[in-house]
Amino acid sequence: IKTHKGASSRFHITGSGKIMRMKGGKSHLRRNKSYRSKT
């Protein structure tokens, strides 16, 4: 059974079994967003 490498870099499984994901909009046009929204 092969792992999808794109999915393995985007999603992480916690010890309790939850799948965690990152939010979108991290990299592009980040300069003109407020500090709070960037964090």
PDB file of all heavy atoms in Angstrom:
ATOM      1  N   ILE A   1       0.870  -1.176   0.000  1.00  0.00           N
ATOM      2  CA  ILE A   1       0.000   0.000   0.000  1.00  0.00           C
ATOM      3  C   ILE A   1       0.904   1.223   0.000  1.00  0.00           C
ATOM      4  O   ILE A   1       1.769   1.357   0.864  1.00  0.00           O
ATOM      5  CB  ILE A   1      -0.917   0.008   1.233  1.00  0.00           C
ATOM      6  CG1 ILE A   1      -1.817  -1.214   1.232  1.00  0.00           C
ATOM      7  CG2 ILE A   1      -1.745   1.276   1.273  1.00  0.00           C
ATOM      8  CD1 ILE A   1      -2.623  -1.365   2.492  1.00  0.00           C
ATOM      9  N   LYS A   2       0.730   2.091  -0.984  1.00  0.00           N
ATOM     10  CA  LYS A   2       1.593   3.259  -1.088  1.00  0.00           C
ATOM     11  C   LYS A   2       0.904   4.489  -0.509  1.00  0.00           C
ATOM     12  O   LYS A   2      -0.299   4.684  -0.666  1.00  0.00           O
ATOM     13  CB  LYS A   2       1.970   3.510  -2.538  1.00  0.00           C
ATOM     14  CG  LYS A   2       2.765   2.361  -3.114  1.00  0.00           C
ATOM     15  CD  LYS A   2       3.699   2.831  -4.167  1.00  0.00           C
ATOM     16  CE  LYS A   2       4.584   1.678  -4.584  1.00  0.00           C
ATOM     17  NZ  LYS A   2       5.601   2.107  -5.514  1.00  0.00           N
ATOM     18  N   THR A   3       1.693   5.324   0.137  1.00  0.00           N
ATOM     19  CA  THR A   3       1.218   6.575   0.710  1.00  0.00           C
ATOM     20  C   THR A   3       1.269   7.656  -0.349  1.00  0.00           C
ATOM     21  O   THR A   3       2.241   7.748  -1.091  1.00  0.00           O
ATOM     22  CB  THR A   3       2.110   6.983   1.897  1.00  0.00           C
ATOM     23  OG1 THR A   3       2.077   5.952   2.869  1.00  0.00           O
ATOM     24  CG2 THR A   3       1.641   8.277   2.515  1.00  0.00           C
ATOM     25  N   HIS A   4       0.244   8.488  -0.417  1.00  0.00           N
ATOM     26  CA  HIS A   4       0.237   9.639  -1.317  1.00  0.00           C
ATOM     27  C   HIS A   4       1.135  10.713  -0.703  1.00  0.00           C
ATOM     28  O   HIS A   4       0.833  11.239   0.361  1.00  0.00           O
ATOM     29  CB  HIS A   4      -1.193  10.148  -1.481  1.00  0.00           C
ATOM     30  CG  HIS A   4      -1.339  11.166  -2.565  1.00  0.00           C
ATOM     31  ND1 HIS A   4      -1.013  12.486  -2.377  1.00  0.00           N
ATOM     32  CD2 HIS A   4      -1.765  11.054  -3.846  1.00  0.00           C
ATOM     33  CE1 HIS A   4      -1.242  13.143  -3.495  1.00  0.00           C
ATOM     34  NE2 HIS A   4      -1.697  12.291  -4.402  1.00  0.00           N
ATOM     35  N   LYS A   5       2.260  11.020  -1.365  1.00  0.00           N
ATOM     36  CA  LYS A   5       3.269  11.888  -0.767  1.00  0.00           C
ATOM     37  C   LYS A   5       2.780  13.322  -0.605  1.00  0.00           C
ATOM     38  O   LYS A   5       3.177  14.017   0.330  1.00  0.00           O
ATOM     39  CB  LYS A   5       4.552  11.873  -1.608  1.00  0.00           C
ATOM     40  CG  LYS A   5       5.256  10.534  -1.556  1.00  0.00           C
ATOM     41  CD  LYS A   5       5.626  10.179  -0.133  1.00  0.00           C
ATOM     42  CE  LYS A   5       6.376   8.889  -0.067  1.00  0.00           C
ATOM     43  NZ  LYS A   5       6.738   8.522   1.291  1.00  0.00           N
ATOM     44  N   GLY A   6       1.919  13.796  -1.503  1.00  0.00           N
ATOM     45  CA  GLY A   6       1.380  15.138  -1.366  1.00  0.00           C
ATOM     46  C   GLY A   6       0.483  15.251  -0.152  1.00  0.00           C
ATOM     47  O   GLY A   6       0.513  16.239   0.578  1.00  0.00           O
ATOM     48  N   ALA A   7      -0.297  14.214   0.099  1.00  0.00           N
ATOM     49  CA  ALA A   7      -1.187  14.218   1.257  1.00  0.00           C
ATOM     50  C   ALA A   7      -0.405  14.051   2.555  1.00  0.00           C
ATOM     51  O   ALA A   7      -0.755  14.644   3.573  1.00  0.00           O
ATOM     52  CB  ALA A   7      -2.221  13.111   1.138  1.00  0.00           C
ATOM     53  N   SER A   8       0.679  13.272   2.515  1.00  0.00           N
ATOM     54  CA  SER A   8       1.434  13.054   3.748  1.00  0.00           C
ATOM     55  C   SER A   8       2.163  14.309   4.194  1.00  0.00           C
ATOM     56  O   SER A   8       2.423  14.481   5.382  1.00  0.00           O
ATOM     57  CB  SER A   8       2.425  11.909   3.571  1.00  0.00           C
ATOM     58  OG  SER A   8       3.438  12.257   2.672  1.00  0.00           O
ATOM     59  N   SER A   9       2.483  15.209   3.250  1.00  0.00           N
ATOM     60  CA  SER A   9       3.138  16.450   3.648  1.00  0.00           C
ATOM     61  C   SER A   9       2.133  17.505   4.101  1.00  0.00           C
ATOM     62  O   SER A   9       2.491  18.418   4.828  1.00  0.00           O
ATOM     63  CB  SER A   9       3.975  16.994   2.497  1.00  0.00           C
ATOM     64  OG  SER A   9       3.144  17.376   1.424  1.00  0.00           O
ATOM     65  N   ARG A  10       0.872  17.374   3.690  1.00  0.00           N
ATOM     66  CA  ARG A  10      -0.135  18.378   4.036  1.00  0.00           C
ATOM     67  C   ARG A  10      -0.937  18.030   5.288  1.00  0.00           C
ATOM     68  O   ARG A  10      -1.482  18.915   5.938  1.00  0.00           O
ATOM     69  CB  ARG A  10      -1.098  18.561   2.866  1.00  0.00           C
ATOM     70  CG  ARG A  10      -0.496  19.289   1.712  1.00  0.00           C
ATOM     71  CD  ARG A  10      -1.476  19.354   0.557  1.00  0.00           C
ATOM     72  NE  ARG A  10      -0.960  20.195  -0.507  1.00  0.00           N
ATOM     73  CZ  ARG A  10      -0.205  19.756  -1.507  1.00  0.00           C
ATOM     74  NH1 ARG A  10       0.114  18.473  -1.575  1.00  0.00           N
ATOM     75  NH2 ARG A  10       0.223  20.579  -2.439  1.00  0.00           N
ATOM     76  N   PHE A  11      -1.032  16.741   5.609  1.00  0.00           N
ATOM     77  CA  PHE A  11      -1.844  16.297   6.737  1.00  0.00           C
ATOM     78  C   PHE A  11      -0.976  15.533   7.723  1.00  0.00           C
ATOM     79  O   PHE A  11      -0.057  14.826   7.324  1.00  0.00           O
ATOM     80  CB  PHE A  11      -2.987  15.394   6.261  1.00  0.00           C
ATOM     81  CG  PHE A  11      -3.907  16.058   5.280  1.00  0.00           C
ATOM     82  CD1 PHE A  11      -3.799  15.800   3.935  1.00  0.00           C
ATOM     83  CD2 PHE A  11      -4.883  16.937   5.701  1.00  0.00           C
ATOM     84  CE1 PHE A  11      -4.631  16.401   3.018  1.00  0.00           C
ATOM     85  CE2 PHE A  11      -5.723  17.551   4.796  1.00  0.00           C
ATOM     86  CZ  PHE A  11      -5.595  17.284   3.455  1.00  0.00           C
ATOM     87  N   HIS A  12      -1.287  15.683   9.003  1.00  0.00           N
ATOM     88  CA  HIS A  12      -0.554  14.967  10.043  1.00  0.00           C
ATOM     89  C   HIS A  12      -1.556  14.314  10.979  1.00  0.00           C
ATOM     90  O   HIS A  12      -2.601  14.890  11.281  1.00  0.00           O
ATOM     91  CB  HIS A  12       0.356  15.915  10.812  1.00  0.00           C
ATOM     92  CG  HIS A  12       1.386  16.555   9.952  1.00  0.00           C
ATOM     93  ND1 HIS A  12       2.500  15.876   9.496  1.00  0.00           N
ATOM     94  CD2 HIS A  12       1.471  17.799   9.423  1.00  0.00           C
ATOM     95  CE1 HIS A  12       3.219  16.688   8.746  1.00  0.00           C
ATOM     96  NE2 HIS A  12       2.613  17.864   8.684  1.00  0.00           N
ATOM     97  N   ILE A  13      -1.230  13.114  11.436  1.00  0.00           N
ATOM     98  CA  ILE A  13      -2.106  12.383  12.329  1.00  0.00           C
ATOM     99  C   ILE A  13      -1.547  12.493  13.740  1.00  0.00           C
ATOM    100  O   ILE A  13      -0.360  12.232  13.971  1.00  0.00           O
ATOM    101  CB  ILE A  13      -2.237  10.911  11.904  1.00  0.00           C
ATOM    102  CG1 ILE A  13      -2.861  10.853  10.513  1.00  0.00           C
ATOM    103  CG2 ILE A  13      -3.087  10.136  12.884  1.00  0.00           C
ATOM    104  CD1 ILE A  13      -3.066   9.471   9.973  1.00  0.00           C
ATOM    105  N   THR A  14      -2.396  12.896  14.689  1.00  0.00           N
ATOM    106  CA  THR A  14      -1.971  13.046  16.067  1.00  0.00           C
ATOM    107  C   THR A  14      -1.939  11.689  16.757  1.00  0.00           C
ATOM    108  O   THR A  14      -2.346  10.677  16.188  1.00  0.00           O
ATOM    109  CB  THR A  14      -2.930  13.979  16.831  1.00  0.00           C
ATOM    110  OG1 THR A  14      -4.233  13.385  16.833  1.00  0.00           O
ATOM    111  CG2 THR A  14      -2.990  15.348  16.188  1.00  0.00           C
ATOM    112  N   GLY A  15      -1.472  11.685  17.981  1.00  0.00           N
ATOM    113  CA  GLY A  15      -1.419  10.445  18.738  1.00  0.00           C
ATOM    114  C   GLY A  15      -2.787   9.874  19.029  1.00  0.00           C
ATOM    115  O   GLY A  15      -2.953   8.660  19.138  1.00  0.00           O
ATOM    116  N   SER A  16      -3.783  10.740  19.156  1.00  0.00           N
ATOM    117  CA  SER A  16      -5.139  10.268  19.427  1.00  0.00           C
ATOM    118  C   SER A  16      -5.881   9.869  18.159  1.00  0.00           C
ATOM    119  O   SER A  16      -7.010   9.398  18.226  1.00  0.00           O
ATOM    120  CB  SER A  16      -5.924  11.339  20.170  1.00  0.00           C
ATOM    121  OG  SER A  16      -6.022  12.510  19.387  1.00  0.00           O
ATOM    122  N   GLY A  17      -5.266  10.094  16.978  1.00  0.00           N
ATOM    123  CA  GLY A  17      -5.881   9.656  15.726  1.00  0.00           C
ATOM    124  C   GLY A  17      -6.566  10.746  14.933  1.00  0.00           C
ATOM    125  O   GLY A  17      -7.133  10.465  13.878  1.00  0.00           O
ATOM    126  N   LYS A  18      -6.524  11.991  15.405  1.00  0.00           N
ATOM    127  CA  LYS A  18      -7.125  13.087  14.651  1.00  0.00           C
ATOM    128  C   LYS A  18      -6.217  13.462  13.491  1.00  0.00           C
ATOM    129  O   LYS A  18      -4.995  13.410  13.604  1.00  0.00           O
ATOM    130  CB  LYS A  18      -7.317  14.317  15.533  1.00  0.00           C
ATOM    131  CG  LYS A  18      -8.463  14.198  16.503  1.00  0.00           C
ATOM    132  CD  LYS A  18      -8.784  15.529  17.128  1.00  0.00           C
ATOM    133  CE  LYS A  18      -7.759  15.877  18.183  1.00  0.00           C
ATOM    134  NZ  LYS A  18      -8.138  17.045  18.977  1.00  0.00           N
ATOM    135  N   ILE A  19      -6.822  13.838  12.360  1.00  0.00           N
ATOM    136  CA  ILE A  19      -6.060  14.310  11.208  1.00  0.00           C
ATOM    137  C   ILE A  19      -6.062  15.832  11.255  1.00  0.00           C
ATOM    138  O   ILE A  19      -7.123  16.450  11.270  1.00  0.00           O
ATOM    139  CB  ILE A  19      -6.657  13.795   9.893  1.00  0.00           C
ATOM    140  CG1 ILE A  19      -6.675  12.273   9.873  1.00  0.00           C
ATOM    141  CG2 ILE A  19      -5.862  14.320   8.710  1.00  0.00           C
ATOM    142  CD1 ILE A  19      -7.326  11.680   8.645  1.00  0.00           C
ATOM    143  N   MET A  20      -4.857  16.415  11.269  1.00  0.00           N
ATOM    144  CA  MET A  20      -4.717  17.863  11.347  1.00  0.00           C
ATOM    145  C   MET A  20      -4.294  18.400   9.984  1.00  0.00           C
ATOM    146  O   MET A  20      -3.568  17.747   9.238  1.00  0.00           O
ATOM    147  CB  MET A  20      -3.661  18.230  12.389  1.00  0.00           C
ATOM    148  CG  MET A  20      -3.953  17.692  13.769  1.00  0.00           C
ATOM    149  SD  MET A  20      -5.452  18.339  14.490  1.00  0.00           S
ATOM    150  CE  MET A  20      -4.883  19.896  15.089  1.00  0.00           C
ATOM    151  N   ARG A  21      -4.746  19.615   9.684  1.00  0.00           N
ATOM    152  CA  ARG A  21      -4.404  20.244   8.412  1.00  0.00           C
ATOM    153  C   ARG A  21      -3.968  21.686   8.651  1.00  0.00           C
ATOM    154  O   ARG A  21      -4.258  22.262   9.694  1.00  0.00           O
ATOM    155  CB  ARG A  21      -5.587  20.229   7.458  1.00  0.00           C
ATOM    156  CG  ARG A  21      -6.716  21.160   7.883  1.00  0.00           C
ATOM    157  CD  ARG A  21      -7.768  21.286   6.795  1.00  0.00           C
ATOM    158  NE  ARG A  21      -8.860  22.150   7.187  1.00  0.00           N
ATOM    159  CZ  ARG A  21      -8.889  23.464   6.993  1.00  0.00           C
ATOM    160  NH1 ARG A  21      -7.877  24.074   6.419  1.00  0.00           N
ATOM    161  NH2 ARG A  21      -9.918  24.182   7.367  1.00  0.00           N
ATOM    162  N   MET A  22      -3.259  22.241   7.665  1.00  0.00           N
ATOM    163  CA  MET A  22      -2.873  23.640   7.723  1.00  0.00           C
ATOM    164  C   MET A  22      -3.949  24.480   7.039  1.00  0.00           C
ATOM    165  O   MET A  22      -4.697  23.980   6.201  1.00  0.00           O
ATOM    166  CB  MET A  22      -1.535  23.856   7.015  1.00  0.00           C
ATOM    167  CG  MET A  22      -0.376  23.183   7.684  1.00  0.00           C
ATOM    168  SD  MET A  22      -0.033  23.791   9.336  1.00  0.00           S
ATOM    169  CE  MET A  22       0.777  25.314   8.952  1.00  0.00           C
ATOM    170  N   LYS A  23      -3.996  25.756   7.372  1.00  0.00           N
ATOM    171  CA  LYS A  23      -4.929  26.659   6.725  1.00  0.00           C
ATOM    172  C   LYS A  23      -4.353  27.132   5.397  1.00  0.00           C
ATOM    173  O   LYS A  23      -3.134  27.183   5.224  1.00  0.00           O
ATOM    174  CB  LYS A  23      -5.191  27.869   7.609  1.00  0.00           C
ATOM    175  CG  LYS A  23      -5.975  27.538   8.854  1.00  0.00           C
ATOM    176  CD  LYS A  23      -6.316  28.793   9.604  1.00  0.00           C
ATOM    177  CE  LYS A  23      -7.175  28.470  10.796  1.00  0.00           C
ATOM    178  NZ  LYS A  23      -7.560  29.658  11.521  1.00  0.00           N
ATOM    179  N   GLY A  24      -5.229  27.489   4.468  1.00  0.00           N
ATOM    180  CA  GLY A  24      -4.779  28.027   3.193  1.00  0.00           C
ATOM    181  C   GLY A  24      -4.474  29.503   3.297  1.00  0.00           C
ATOM    182  O   GLY A  24      -4.820  30.165   4.276  1.00  0.00           O
ATOM    183  N   GLY A  25      -3.814  30.046   2.275  1.00  0.00           N
ATOM    184  CA  GLY A  25      -3.508  31.473   2.250  1.00  0.00           C
ATOM    185  C   GLY A  25      -2.287  31.855   3.043  1.00  0.00           C
ATOM    186  O   GLY A  25      -2.156  33.000   3.453  1.00  0.00           O
ATOM    187  N   LYS A  26      -1.377  30.915   3.263  1.00  0.00           N
ATOM    188  CA  LYS A  26      -0.201  31.200   4.080  1.00  0.00           C
ATOM    189  C   LYS A  26       0.885  31.947   3.342  1.00  0.00           C
ATOM    190  O   LYS A  26       1.590  32.755   3.923  1.00  0.00           O
ATOM    191  CB  LYS A  26       0.405  29.884   4.587  1.00  0.00           C
ATOM    192  CG  LYS A  26      -0.043  29.505   5.951  1.00  0.00           C
ATOM    193  CD  LYS A  26       0.726  28.327   6.429  1.00  0.00           C
ATOM    194  CE  LYS A  26       2.074  28.770   6.917  1.00  0.00           C
ATOM    195  NZ  LYS A  26       2.641  27.919   7.935  1.00  0.00           N
ATOM    196  N   SER A  27       1.056  31.671   2.069  1.00  0.00           N
ATOM    197  CA  SER A  27       2.277  32.132   1.422  1.00  0.00           C
ATOM    198  C   SER A  27       2.074  33.322   0.476  1.00  0.00           C
ATOM    199  O   SER A  27       2.936  34.186   0.391  1.00  0.00           O
ATOM    200  CB  SER A  27       2.901  30.981   0.641  1.00  0.00           C
ATOM    201  OG  SER A  27       2.006  30.529  -0.342  1.00  0.00           O
ATOM    202  N   HIS A  28       0.975  33.377  -0.212  1.00  0.00           N
ATOM    203  CA  HIS A  28       0.823  34.363  -1.278  1.00  0.00           C
ATOM    204  C   HIS A  28       0.059  35.585  -0.773  1.00  0.00           C
ATOM    205  O   HIS A  28      -0.971  35.438  -0.116  1.00  0.00           O
ATOM    206  CB  HIS A  28       0.080  33.710  -2.453  1.00  0.00           C
ATOM    207  CG  HIS A  28       0.017  34.564  -3.665  1.00  0.00           C
ATOM    208  ND1 HIS A  28       1.129  35.002  -4.319  1.00  0.00           N
ATOM    209  CD2 HIS A  28      -1.028  35.072  -4.345  1.00  0.00           C
ATOM    210  CE1 HIS A  28       0.769  35.736  -5.356  1.00  0.00           C
ATOM    211  NE2 HIS A  28      -0.534  35.799  -5.388  1.00  0.00           N
ATOM    212  N   LEU A  29       0.573  36.785  -1.063  1.00  0.00           N
ATOM    213  CA  LEU A  29      -0.031  38.075  -0.664  1.00  0.00           C
ATOM    214  C   LEU A  29      -0.169  38.185   0.852  1.00  0.00           C
ATOM    215  O   LEU A  29      -1.147  38.735   1.364  1.00  0.00           O
ATOM    216  CB  LEU A  29      -1.399  38.279  -1.325  1.00  0.00           C
ATOM    217  CG  LEU A  29      -1.396  38.428  -2.838  1.00  0.00           C
ATOM    218  CD1 LEU A  29      -2.814  38.500  -3.353  1.00  0.00           C
ATOM    219  CD2 LEU A  29      -0.626  39.649  -3.255  1.00  0.00           C
ATOM    220  N   ARG A  30       0.810  37.699   1.565  1.00  0.00           N
ATOM    221  CA  ARG A  30       0.755  37.735   3.024  1.00  0.00           C
ATOM    222  C   ARG A  30       1.249  39.064   3.575  1.00  0.00           C
ATOM    223  O   ARG A  30       1.004  39.411   4.724  1.00  0.00           O
ATOM    224  CB  ARG A  30       1.611  36.592   3.565  1.00  0.00           C
ATOM    225  CG  ARG A  30       1.310  36.252   4.995  1.00  0.00           C
ATOM    226  CD  ARG A  30       1.998  34.997   5.412  1.00  0.00           C
ATOM    227  NE  ARG A  30       1.762  34.779   6.827  1.00  0.00           N
ATOM    228  CZ  ARG A  30       2.221  33.778   7.509  1.00  0.00           C
ATOM    229  NH1 ARG A  30       2.951  32.875   6.921  1.00  0.00           N
ATOM    230  NH2 ARG A  30       1.966  33.646   8.779  1.00  0.00           N
ATOM    231  N   ARG A  31       1.945  39.825   2.741  1.00  0.00           N
ATOM    232  CA  ARG A  31       2.583  41.061   3.177  1.00  0.00           C
ATOM    233  C   ARG A  31       1.572  42.096   3.667  1.00  0.00           C
ATOM    234  O   ARG A  31       1.812  42.802   4.632  1.00  0.00           O
ATOM    235  CB  ARG A  31       3.391  41.609   2.001  1.00  0.00           C
ATOM    236  CG  ARG A  31       4.148  42.851   2.259  1.00  0.00           C
ATOM    237  CD  ARG A  31       4.974  43.180   1.050  1.00  0.00           C
ATOM    238  NE  ARG A  31       4.151  43.123  -0.161  1.00  0.00           N
ATOM    239  CZ  ARG A  31       4.638  43.141  -1.379  1.00  0.00           C
ATOM    240  NH1 ARG A  31       5.933  43.157  -1.566  1.00  0.00           N
ATOM    241  NH2 ARG A  31       3.852  43.113  -2.428  1.00  0.00           N
ATOM    242  N   ASN A  32       0.417  42.181   3.010  1.00  0.00           N
ATOM    243  CA  ASN A  32      -0.537  43.225   3.358  1.00  0.00           C
ATOM    244  C   ASN A  32      -1.642  42.744   4.292  1.00  0.00           C
ATOM    245  O   ASN A  32      -2.673  43.375   4.403  1.00  0.00           O
ATOM    246  CB  ASN A  32      -1.141  43.852   2.099  1.00  0.00           C
ATOM    247  CG  ASN A  32      -1.716  42.831   1.158  1.00  0.00           C
ATOM    248  OD1 ASN A  32      -1.756  41.652   1.499  1.00  0.00           O
ATOM    249  ND2 ASN A  32      -2.159  43.248  -0.010  1.00  0.00           N
ATOM    250  N   LYS A  33      -1.421  41.641   4.986  1.00  0.00           N
ATOM    251  CA  LYS A  33      -2.374  41.186   6.001  1.00  0.00           C
ATOM    252  C   LYS A  33      -1.890  41.631   7.370  1.00  0.00           C
ATOM    253  O   LYS A  33      -0.701  41.873   7.572  1.00  0.00           O
ATOM    254  CB  LYS A  33      -2.501  39.664   5.954  1.00  0.00           C
ATOM    255  CG  LYS A  33      -3.172  39.141   4.692  1.00  0.00           C
ATOM    256  CD  LYS A  33      -3.343  37.651   4.761  1.00  0.00           C
ATOM    257  CE  LYS A  33      -4.193  37.131   3.632  1.00  0.00           C
ATOM    258  NZ  LYS A  33      -3.592  37.274   2.318  1.00  0.00           N
ATOM    259  N   SER A  34      -2.802  41.707   8.305  1.00  0.00           N
ATOM    260  CA  SER A  34      -2.425  42.141   9.653  1.00  0.00           C
ATOM    261  C   SER A  34      -1.632  41.043  10.357  1.00  0.00           C
ATOM    262  O   SER A  34      -1.691  39.875   9.990  1.00  0.00           O
ATOM    263  CB  SER A  34      -3.671  42.469  10.473  1.00  0.00           C
ATOM    264  OG  SER A  34      -4.394  41.298  10.748  1.00  0.00           O
ATOM    265  N   TYR A  35      -0.884  41.437  11.380  1.00  0.00           N
ATOM    266  CA  TYR A  35      -0.046  40.492  12.107  1.00  0.00           C
ATOM    267  C   TYR A  35      -0.895  39.408  12.762  1.00  0.00           C
ATOM    268  O   TYR A  35      -0.537  38.231  12.762  1.00  0.00           O
ATOM    269  CB  TYR A  35       0.772  41.225  13.168  1.00  0.00           C
ATOM    270  CG  TYR A  35       1.634  40.309  13.983  1.00  0.00           C
ATOM    271  CD1 TYR A  35       2.798  39.780  13.449  1.00  0.00           C
ATOM    272  CD2 TYR A  35       1.275  39.937  15.273  1.00  0.00           C
ATOM    273  CE1 TYR A  35       3.585  38.924  14.171  1.00  0.00           C
ATOM    274  CE2 TYR A  35       2.051  39.073  16.013  1.00  0.00           C
ATOM    275  CZ  TYR A  35       3.211  38.574  15.448  1.00  0.00           C
ATOM    276  OH  TYR A  35       3.989  37.710  16.171  1.00  0.00           O
ATOM    277  N   ARG A  36      -2.046  39.779  13.305  1.00  0.00           N
ATOM    278  CA  ARG A  36      -2.914  38.806  13.978  1.00  0.00           C
ATOM    279  C   ARG A  36      -3.431  37.761  12.998  1.00  0.00           C
ATOM    280  O   ARG A  36      -3.449  36.563  13.298  1.00  0.00           O
ATOM    281  CB  ARG A  36      -4.081  39.523  14.644  1.00  0.00           C
ATOM    282  CG  ARG A  36      -4.982  38.569  15.400  1.00  0.00           C
ATOM    283  CD  ARG A  36      -6.119  39.307  16.084  1.00  0.00           C
ATOM    284  NE  ARG A  36      -6.920  38.370  16.836  1.00  0.00           N
ATOM    285  CZ  ARG A  36      -7.886  37.619  16.296  1.00  0.00           C
ATOM    286  NH1 ARG A  36      -8.155  37.699  15.018  1.00  0.00           N
ATOM    287  NH2 ARG A  36      -8.580  36.796  17.050  1.00  0.00           N
ATOM    288  N   SER A  37      -3.849  38.197  11.819  1.00  0.00           N
ATOM    289  CA  SER A  37      -4.358  37.223  10.851  1.00  0.00           C
ATOM    290  C   SER A  37      -3.242  36.334  10.316  1.00  0.00           C
ATOM    291  O   SER A  37      -3.470  35.167   9.996  1.00  0.00           O
ATOM    292  CB  SER A  37      -5.063  37.927   9.700  1.00  0.00           C
ATOM    293  OG  SER A  37      -4.148  38.677   8.936  1.00  0.00           O
ATOM    294  N   LYS A  38      -2.021  36.862  10.251  1.00  0.00           N
ATOM    295  CA  LYS A  38      -0.896  36.049   9.788  1.00  0.00           C
ATOM    296  C   LYS A  38      -0.540  34.973  10.802  1.00  0.00           C
ATOM    297  O   LYS A  38      -0.183  33.857  10.431  1.00  0.00           O
ATOM    298  CB  LYS A  38       0.324  36.926   9.519  1.00  0.00           C
ATOM    299  CG  LYS A  38       0.208  37.699   8.219  1.00  0.00           C
ATOM    300  CD  LYS A  38       1.501  38.352   7.856  1.00  0.00           C
ATOM    301  CE  LYS A  38       1.646  39.692   8.520  1.00  0.00           C
ATOM    302  NZ  LYS A  38       2.743  40.484   7.944  1.00  0.00           N
ATOM    303  N   THR A  39      -0.650  35.267  12.080  1.00  0.00           N
ATOM    304  CA  THR A  39      -0.332  34.256  13.079  1.00  0.00           C
ATOM    305  C   THR A  39      -1.408  33.183  13.133  1.00  0.00           C
ATOM    306  O   THR A  39      -1.120  32.040  13.489  1.00  0.00           O
ATOM    307  CB  THR A  39      -0.168  34.869  14.479  1.00  0.00           C
ATOM    308  OG1 THR A  39      -1.340  35.608  14.807  1.00  0.00           O
ATOM    309  CG2 THR A  39       1.041  35.760  14.537  1.00  0.00           C
TER     310      THR A  39
END
